[in-house]
Amino acid sequence: MIWLPAMILGAVWGAWTARKRGGRRLDMAQYGAVYAIGLGLVAVLASILIDRLTH
């Protein structure tokens, strides 16, 4: 269940990155979505790996 905090963290991190680079609202939304999907995917894969190694 670590994917949800990872996606939230990714969205915040992506929006912050876009804002730092001078992006507008839509840029921040796009960066946030991409970072959220990326970190969410990594978290899901990590969850599967952890589950497989512990059972």
PDB file of N, CA and C in Angstrom:
ATOM      1  N   MET A   1       0.821  -1.192   0.000  1.00  0.00           N
ATOM      2  CA  MET A   1       0.000   0.000   0.000  1.00  0.00           C
ATOM      3  C   MET A   1       0.868   1.260   0.000  1.00  0.00           C
ATOM      4  N   ILE A   2       2.094   1.108  -0.449  1.00  0.00           N
ATOM      5  CA  ILE A   2       2.991   2.266  -0.479  1.00  0.00           C
ATOM      6  C   ILE A   2       2.842   3.069  -1.771  1.00  0.00           C
ATOM      7  N   TRP A   3       1.988   2.597  -2.668  1.00  0.00           N
ATOM      8  CA  TRP A   3       1.856   3.287  -3.946  1.00  0.00           C
ATOM      9  C   TRP A   3       1.144   4.628  -3.816  1.00  0.00           C
ATOM     10  N   LEU A   4       0.195   4.739  -2.904  1.00  0.00           N
ATOM     11  CA  LEU A   4      -0.555   5.990  -2.779  1.00  0.00           C
ATOM     12  C   LEU A   4       0.318   7.145  -2.274  1.00  0.00           C
ATOM     13  N   PRO A   5       1.071   6.973  -1.179  1.00  0.00           N
ATOM     14  CA  PRO A   5       1.964   8.063  -0.780  1.00  0.00           C
ATOM     15  C   PRO A   5       3.025   8.368  -1.835  1.00  0.00           C
ATOM     16  N   ALA A   6       3.470   7.334  -2.557  1.00  0.00           N
ATOM     17  CA  ALA A   6       4.459   7.564  -3.609  1.00  0.00           C
ATOM     18  C   ALA A   6       3.871   8.411  -4.734  1.00  0.00           C
ATOM     19  N   MET A   7       2.615   8.156  -5.086  1.00  0.00           N
ATOM     20  CA  MET A   7       1.984   8.950  -6.143  1.00  0.00           C
ATOM     21  C   MET A   7       1.762  10.395  -5.704  1.00  0.00           C
ATOM     22  N   ILE A   8       1.375  10.582  -4.448  1.00  0.00           N
ATOM     23  CA  ILE A   8       1.183  11.942  -3.937  1.00  0.00           C
ATOM     24  C   ILE A   8       2.517  12.683  -3.914  1.00  0.00           C
ATOM     25  N   LEU A   9       3.557  12.007  -3.434  1.00  0.00           N
ATOM     26  CA  LEU A   9       4.891  12.600  -3.415  1.00  0.00           C
ATOM     27  C   LEU A   9       5.354  12.933  -4.825  1.00  0.00           C
ATOM     28  N   GLY A  10       5.095  12.039  -5.765  1.00  0.00           N
ATOM     29  CA  GLY A  10       5.471  12.285  -7.151  1.00  0.00           C
ATOM     30  C   GLY A  10       4.753  13.479  -7.756  1.00  0.00           C
ATOM     31  N   ALA A  11       3.469  13.622  -7.447  1.00  0.00           N
ATOM     32  CA  ALA A  11       2.705  14.760  -7.970  1.00  0.00           C
ATOM     33  C   ALA A  11       3.246  16.081  -7.426  1.00  0.00           C
ATOM     34  N   VAL A  12       3.551  16.093  -6.144  1.00  0.00           N
ATOM     35  CA  VAL A  12       4.095  17.313  -5.532  1.00  0.00           C
ATOM     36  C   VAL A  12       5.479  17.616  -6.094  1.00  0.00           C
ATOM     37  N   TRP A  13       6.305  16.584  -6.203  1.00  0.00           N
ATOM     38  CA  TRP A  13       7.661  16.752  -6.718  1.00  0.00           C
ATOM     39  C   TRP A  13       7.635  17.238  -8.168  1.00  0.00           C
ATOM     40  N   GLY A  14       6.760  16.674  -8.986  1.00  0.00           N
ATOM     41  CA  GLY A  14       6.655  17.086 -10.379  1.00  0.00           C
ATOM     42  C   GLY A  14       6.176  18.523 -10.523  1.00  0.00           C
ATOM     43  N   ALA A  15       5.176  18.898  -9.748  1.00  0.00           N
ATOM     44  CA  ALA A  15       4.681  20.275  -9.814  1.00  0.00           C
ATOM     45  C   ALA A  15       5.751  21.257  -9.352  1.00  0.00           C
ATOM     46  N   TRP A  16       6.495  20.883  -8.327  1.00  0.00           N
ATOM     47  CA  TRP A  16       7.566  21.747  -7.828  1.00  0.00           C
ATOM     48  C   TRP A  16       8.666  21.900  -8.878  1.00  0.00           C
ATOM     49  N   THR A  17       8.990  20.799  -9.559  1.00  0.00           N
ATOM     50  CA  THR A  17      10.016  20.849 -10.603  1.00  0.00           C
ATOM     51  C   THR A  17       9.585  21.760 -11.744  1.00  0.00           C
ATOM     52  N   ALA A  18       8.343  21.633 -12.168  1.00  0.00           N
ATOM     53  CA  ALA A  18       7.847  22.480 -13.254  1.00  0.00           C
ATOM     54  C   ALA A  18       7.818  23.944 -12.835  1.00  0.00           C
ATOM     55  N   ARG A  19       7.416  24.203 -11.599  1.00  0.00           N
ATOM     56  CA  ARG A  19       7.376  25.585 -11.121  1.00  0.00           C
ATOM     57  C   ARG A  19       8.783  26.185 -11.062  1.00  0.00           C
ATOM     58  N   LYS A  20       9.748  25.366 -10.636  1.00  0.00           N
ATOM     59  CA  LYS A  20      11.132  25.828 -10.547  1.00  0.00           C
ATOM     60  C   LYS A  20      11.681  26.168 -11.930  1.00  0.00           C
ATOM     61  N   ARG A  21      11.214  25.446 -12.943  1.00  0.00           N
ATOM     62  CA  ARG A  21      11.673  25.688 -14.311  1.00  0.00           C
ATOM     63  C   ARG A  21      10.872  26.779 -15.013  1.00  0.00           C
ATOM     64  N   GLY A  22       9.953  27.420 -14.308  1.00  0.00           N
ATOM     65  CA  GLY A  22       9.191  28.523 -14.882  1.00  0.00           C
ATOM     66  C   GLY A  22       7.941  28.099 -15.633  1.00  0.00           C
ATOM     67  N   GLY A  23       7.410  26.935 -15.311  1.00  0.00           N
ATOM     68  CA  GLY A  23       6.230  26.430 -16.015  1.00  0.00           C
ATOM     69  C   GLY A  23       4.939  27.060 -15.513  1.00  0.00           C
ATOM     70  N   ARG A  24       3.936  26.986 -16.358  1.00  0.00           N
ATOM     71  CA  ARG A  24       2.614  27.486 -15.992  1.00  0.00           C
ATOM     72  C   ARG A  24       1.815  26.381 -15.325  1.00  0.00           C
ATOM     73  N   ARG A  25       0.542  26.630 -15.065  1.00  0.00           N
ATOM     74  CA  ARG A  25      -0.298  25.654 -14.352  1.00  0.00           C
ATOM     75  C   ARG A  25      -0.425  24.332 -15.101  1.00  0.00           C
ATOM     76  N   LEU A  26      -0.625  24.384 -16.395  1.00  0.00           N
ATOM     77  CA  LEU A  26      -0.755  23.140 -17.161  1.00  0.00           C
ATOM     78  C   LEU A  26       0.560  22.374 -17.194  1.00  0.00           C
ATOM     79  N   ASP A  27       1.680  23.092 -17.228  1.00  0.00           N
ATOM     80  CA  ASP A  27       2.979  22.432 -17.154  1.00  0.00           C
ATOM     81  C   ASP A  27       3.143  21.725 -15.817  1.00  0.00           C
ATOM     82  N   MET A  28       2.745  22.396 -14.744  1.00  0.00           N
ATOM     83  CA  MET A  28       2.846  21.794 -13.417  1.00  0.00           C
ATOM     84  C   MET A  28       1.932  20.570 -13.310  1.00  0.00           C
ATOM     85  N   ALA A  29       0.755  20.641 -13.909  1.00  0.00           N
ATOM     86  CA  ALA A  29      -0.161  19.497 -13.885  1.00  0.00           C
ATOM     87  C   ALA A  29       0.419  18.323 -14.664  1.00  0.00           C
ATOM     88  N   GLN A  30       1.017  18.603 -15.809  1.00  0.00           N
ATOM     89  CA  GLN A  30       1.586  17.525 -16.616  1.00  0.00           C
ATOM     90  C   GLN A  30       2.783  16.894 -15.910  1.00  0.00           C
ATOM     91  N   TYR A  31       3.694  17.707 -15.405  1.00  0.00           N
ATOM     92  CA  TYR A  31       4.839  17.173 -14.680  1.00  0.00           C
ATOM     93  C   TYR A  31       4.374  16.378 -13.464  1.00  0.00           C
ATOM     94  N   GLY A  32       3.389  16.903 -12.756  1.00  0.00           N
ATOM     95  CA  GLY A  32       2.871  16.209 -11.587  1.00  0.00           C
ATOM     96  C   GLY A  32       2.288  14.854 -11.948  1.00  0.00           C
ATOM     97  N   ALA A  33       1.547  14.789 -13.047  1.00  0.00           N
ATOM     98  CA  ALA A  33       0.951  13.521 -13.472  1.00  0.00           C
ATOM     99  C   ALA A  33       2.026  12.515 -13.872  1.00  0.00           C
ATOM    100  N   VAL A  34       3.001  12.962 -14.619  1.00  0.00           N
ATOM    101  CA  VAL A  34       4.059  12.058 -15.074  1.00  0.00           C
ATOM    102  C   VAL A  34       4.880  11.548 -13.898  1.00  0.00           C
ATOM    103  N   TYR A  35       5.255  12.426 -12.987  1.00  0.00           N
ATOM    104  CA  TYR A  35       6.033  12.002 -11.821  1.00  0.00           C
ATOM    105  C   TYR A  35       5.201  11.084 -10.927  1.00  0.00           C
ATOM    106  N   ALA A  36       3.917  11.373 -10.786  1.00  0.00           N
ATOM    107  CA  ALA A  36       3.050  10.528  -9.959  1.00  0.00           C
ATOM    108  C   ALA A  36       2.940   9.123 -10.548  1.00  0.00           C
ATOM    109  N   ILE A  37       2.755   9.031 -11.845  1.00  0.00           N
ATOM    110  CA  ILE A  37       2.666   7.722 -12.495  1.00  0.00           C
ATOM    111  C   ILE A  37       3.987   6.980 -12.362  1.00  0.00           C
ATOM    112  N   GLY A  38       5.082   7.678 -12.570  1.00  0.00           N
ATOM    113  CA  GLY A  38       6.395   7.042 -12.478  1.00  0.00           C
ATOM    114  C   GLY A  38       6.696   6.517 -11.090  1.00  0.00           C
ATOM    115  N   LEU A  39       6.516   7.346 -10.086  1.00  0.00           N
ATOM    116  CA  LEU A  39       6.795   6.897  -8.723  1.00  0.00           C
ATOM    117  C   LEU A  39       5.783   5.860  -8.260  1.00  0.00           C
ATOM    118  N   GLY A  40       4.545   5.979  -8.710  1.00  0.00           N
ATOM    119  CA  GLY A  40       3.545   4.970  -8.375  1.00  0.00           C
ATOM    120  C   GLY A  40       3.920   3.611  -8.949  1.00  0.00           C
ATOM    121  N   LEU A  41       4.403   3.596 -10.180  1.00  0.00           N
ATOM    122  CA  LEU A  41       4.823   2.346 -10.800  1.00  0.00           C
ATOM    123  C   LEU A  41       6.008   1.730 -10.068  1.00  0.00           C
ATOM    124  N   VAL A  42       6.969   2.548  -9.709  1.00  0.00           N
ATOM    125  CA  VAL A  42       8.116   2.054  -8.945  1.00  0.00           C
ATOM    126  C   VAL A  42       7.661   1.491  -7.604  1.00  0.00           C
ATOM    127  N   ALA A  43       6.718   2.161  -6.951  1.00  0.00           N
ATOM    128  CA  ALA A  43       6.219   1.690  -5.654  1.00  0.00           C
ATOM    129  C   ALA A  43       5.464   0.373  -5.788  1.00  0.00           C
ATOM    130  N   VAL A  44       4.683   0.218  -6.842  1.00  0.00           N
ATOM    131  CA  VAL A  44       3.970  -1.046  -7.054  1.00  0.00           C
ATOM    132  C   VAL A  44       4.966  -2.179  -7.285  1.00  0.00           C
ATOM    133  N   LEU A  45       5.965  -1.932  -8.101  1.00  0.00           N
ATOM    134  CA  LEU A  45       6.977  -2.957  -8.339  1.00  0.00           C
ATOM    135  C   LEU A  45       7.740  -3.292  -7.062  1.00  0.00           C
ATOM    136  N   ALA A  46       8.044  -2.282  -6.252  1.00  0.00           N
ATOM    137  CA  ALA A  46       8.712  -2.528  -4.977  1.00  0.00           C
ATOM    138  C   ALA A  46       7.814  -3.330  -4.041  1.00  0.00           C
ATOM    139  N   SER A  47       6.532  -3.042  -4.034  1.00  0.00           N
ATOM    140  CA  SER A  47       5.589  -3.802  -3.200  1.00  0.00           C
ATOM    141  C   SER A  47       5.530  -5.269  -3.617  1.00  0.00           C
ATOM    142  N   ILE A  48       5.495  -5.506  -4.913  1.00  0.00           N
ATOM    143  CA  ILE A  48       5.481  -6.880  -5.404  1.00  0.00           C
ATOM    144  C   ILE A  48       6.776  -7.589  -5.024  1.00  0.00           C
ATOM    145  N   LEU A  49       7.889  -6.929  -5.181  1.00  0.00           N
ATOM    146  CA  LEU A  49       9.184  -7.510  -4.840  1.00  0.00           C
ATOM    147  C   LEU A  49       9.258  -7.832  -3.344  1.00  0.00           C
ATOM    148  N   ILE A  50       8.833  -6.910  -2.520  1.00  0.00           N
ATOM    149  CA  ILE A  50       8.839  -7.131  -1.069  1.00  0.00           C
ATOM    150  C   ILE A  50       7.930  -8.296  -0.696  1.00  0.00           C
ATOM    151  N   ASP A  51       6.755  -8.350  -1.319  1.00  0.00           N
ATOM    152  CA  ASP A  51       5.822  -9.434  -1.027  1.00  0.00           C
ATOM    153  C   ASP A  51       6.398 -10.792  -1.444  1.00  0.00           C
ATOM    154  N   ARG A  52       7.029 -10.836  -2.601  1.00  0.00           N
ATOM    155  CA  ARG A  52       7.595 -12.103  -3.081  1.00  0.00           C
ATOM    156  C   ARG A  52       8.759 -12.566  -2.199  1.00  0.00           C
ATOM    157  N   LEU A  53       9.549 -11.622  -1.712  1.00  0.00           N
ATOM    158  CA  LEU A  53      10.715 -11.992  -0.907  1.00  0.00           C
ATOM    159  C   LEU A  53      10.347 -12.387   0.526  1.00  0.00           C
ATOM    160  N   THR A  54       9.211 -11.923   1.009  1.00  0.00           N
ATOM    161  CA  THR A  54       8.841 -12.216   2.387  1.00  0.00           C
ATOM    162  C   THR A  54       7.929 -13.417   2.524  1.00  0.00           C
ATOM    163  N   HIS A  55       7.418 -13.958   1.437  1.00  0.00           N
ATOM    164  CA  HIS A  55       6.518 -15.119   1.546  1.00  0.00           C
ATOM    165  C   HIS A  55       7.149 -16.352   1.007  1.00  0.00           C
TER     166      HIS A  55
END
